[in-house]
Amino acid sequence: MKRVEFAPEVSEYFKNLTPALYNLGYFSYLESSKNYVDKLTIDIENNLPTRQHKPATQYFDKYGKDMLYAMFRTNKQTTWYAFFTKYNENGNTFYLVRYIANNHIVAQYL
């Protein structure tokens, strides 16, 4: 079994992302912003285990040691990066997403 979980900080980030994107004018309707965030969250939950991943640079050690990251493209301008720790327990594989950001914020650190 493979399971994706979000650290509390990431869940809180997603919760705040919907109104932030709407208030910054990226979406004309709050519902559109919510759909965007929901779609991103579902994409990460469903596809992180099969997505190609790379080791995160040392810059991201503040969120967890030996993290990996995978990319999730939402449109032509924006790619989201999910930074996670992968671990095995009792024959199950868990992916704990510890940090999330987009190319506008972290691309220079990758």
Protein backbone atom coordinates (compact mmCIF):
# COMPACT_ATOMS: atom_id res chain seq x y z
CA MET A 1 0.00 0.00 0.00
CA LYS A 2 1.17 3.53 -0.80
CA ARG A 3 -0.24 6.48 1.09
CA VAL A 4 0.32 10.23 0.80
CA GLU A 5 -0.07 12.37 3.92
CA PHE A 6 0.31 16.11 4.44
CA ALA A 7 2.11 17.62 7.39
CA PRO A 8 -0.12 19.99 9.39
CA GLU A 9 1.78 23.01 8.02
CA VAL A 10 1.05 21.91 4.45
CA SER A 11 -2.64 21.36 5.19
CA GLU A 12 -2.76 24.85 6.70
CA TYR A 13 -0.98 26.26 3.64
CA PHE A 14 -3.59 24.74 1.32
CA LYS A 15 -6.37 26.10 3.52
CA ASN A 16 -4.94 29.63 3.23
CA LEU A 17 -4.02 29.31 -0.45
CA THR A 18 -7.61 29.50 -1.72
CA PRO A 19 -8.41 32.97 -0.34
CA ALA A 20 -4.86 34.19 -1.03
CA LEU A 21 -5.05 33.38 -4.74
CA TYR A 22 -8.49 34.97 -4.96
CA ASN A 23 -7.46 38.11 -3.03
CA LEU A 24 -4.33 38.53 -5.15
CA GLY A 25 -6.49 38.50 -8.27
CA TYR A 26 -5.32 35.22 -9.78
CA PHE A 27 -8.96 34.10 -9.89
CA SER A 28 -12.11 36.17 -10.42
CA TYR A 29 -14.23 33.87 -8.29
CA LEU A 30 -13.49 32.30 -4.94
CA GLU A 31 -14.99 29.03 -6.19
CA SER A 32 -12.47 28.95 -9.08
CA SER A 33 -9.62 29.41 -6.61
CA LYS A 34 -10.99 26.62 -4.43
CA ASN A 35 -11.25 24.28 -7.43
CA TYR A 36 -7.64 25.04 -8.39
CA VAL A 37 -6.35 24.22 -4.90
CA ASP A 38 -8.56 21.11 -4.64
CA LYS A 39 -7.32 19.85 -8.00
CA LEU A 40 -3.68 20.40 -6.97
CA THR A 41 -4.21 18.62 -3.66
CA ILE A 42 -5.90 15.65 -5.34
CA ASP A 43 -3.18 15.48 -7.98
CA ILE A 44 -0.51 15.26 -5.28
CA GLU A 45 -2.45 12.68 -3.26
CA ASN A 46 -3.12 10.46 -6.27
CA ASN A 47 0.09 10.81 -8.23
CA LEU A 48 3.00 11.53 -5.90
CA PRO A 49 3.95 7.83 -5.53
CA THR A 50 4.34 7.44 -9.30
CA ARG A 51 5.79 10.86 -10.09
CA GLN A 52 9.48 11.15 -10.90
CA HIS A 53 11.26 12.67 -7.92
CA LYS A 54 14.65 14.17 -7.17
CA PRO A 55 16.63 14.88 -4.01
CA ALA A 56 15.91 18.35 -2.61
CA THR A 57 18.86 20.68 -2.22
CA GLN A 58 20.29 21.49 1.18
CA TYR A 59 18.28 24.72 1.23
CA PHE A 60 15.17 22.67 2.04
CA ASP A 61 16.71 20.84 5.02
CA LYS A 62 14.88 23.30 7.27
CA TYR A 63 11.68 21.43 6.40
CA GLY A 64 13.16 17.96 6.90
CA LYS A 65 16.35 16.03 6.27
CA ASP A 66 16.96 14.02 3.11
CA MET A 67 13.80 15.21 1.40
CA LEU A 68 12.76 14.52 -2.15
CA TYR A 69 10.59 16.62 -4.40
CA ALA A 70 8.23 16.08 -7.31
CA MET A 71 6.78 18.58 -9.77
CA PHE A 72 3.11 19.24 -10.50
CA ARG A 73 2.39 21.59 -13.38
CA THR A 74 -0.94 23.39 -13.09
CA ASN A 75 -0.65 25.74 -16.09
CA LYS A 76 1.91 27.20 -18.51
CA GLN A 77 3.29 29.61 -15.91
CA THR A 78 3.12 27.63 -12.69
CA THR A 79 4.72 24.42 -11.50
CA TRP A 80 4.22 23.33 -7.90
CA TYR A 81 6.87 21.41 -6.02
CA ALA A 82 5.88 18.94 -3.31
CA PHE A 83 8.77 18.30 -0.90
CA PHE A 84 8.40 15.04 0.96
CA THR A 85 9.94 12.26 2.97
CA LYS A 86 9.36 8.70 1.86
CA TYR A 87 9.41 5.91 4.41
CA ASN A 88 8.39 2.29 4.74
CA GLU A 89 6.58 0.74 7.66
CA ASN A 90 5.26 -2.82 7.89
CA GLY A 91 5.52 -3.28 4.13
CA ASN A 92 3.64 -0.05 3.40
CA THR A 93 5.13 3.03 1.78
CA PHE A 94 4.25 6.46 3.14
CA TYR A 95 4.90 9.84 1.57
CA LEU A 96 4.82 12.72 4.03
CA VAL A 97 4.57 16.06 2.22
CA ARG A 98 6.40 18.52 4.45
CA TYR A 99 6.52 21.63 2.26
CA ILE A 100 4.94 22.91 -0.92
CA ALA A 101 5.81 25.91 -3.07
CA ASN A 102 5.70 26.98 -6.70
CA ASN A 103 8.34 27.93 -9.25
CA HIS A 104 7.76 31.64 -8.62
CA ILE A 105 9.02 31.19 -5.05
CA VAL A 106 11.62 28.38 -4.98
CA ALA A 107 12.92 27.70 -8.49
CA GLN A 108 16.22 29.46 -7.77
CA TYR A 109 16.92 27.00 -4.91
CA LEU A 110 16.48 23.86 -6.99
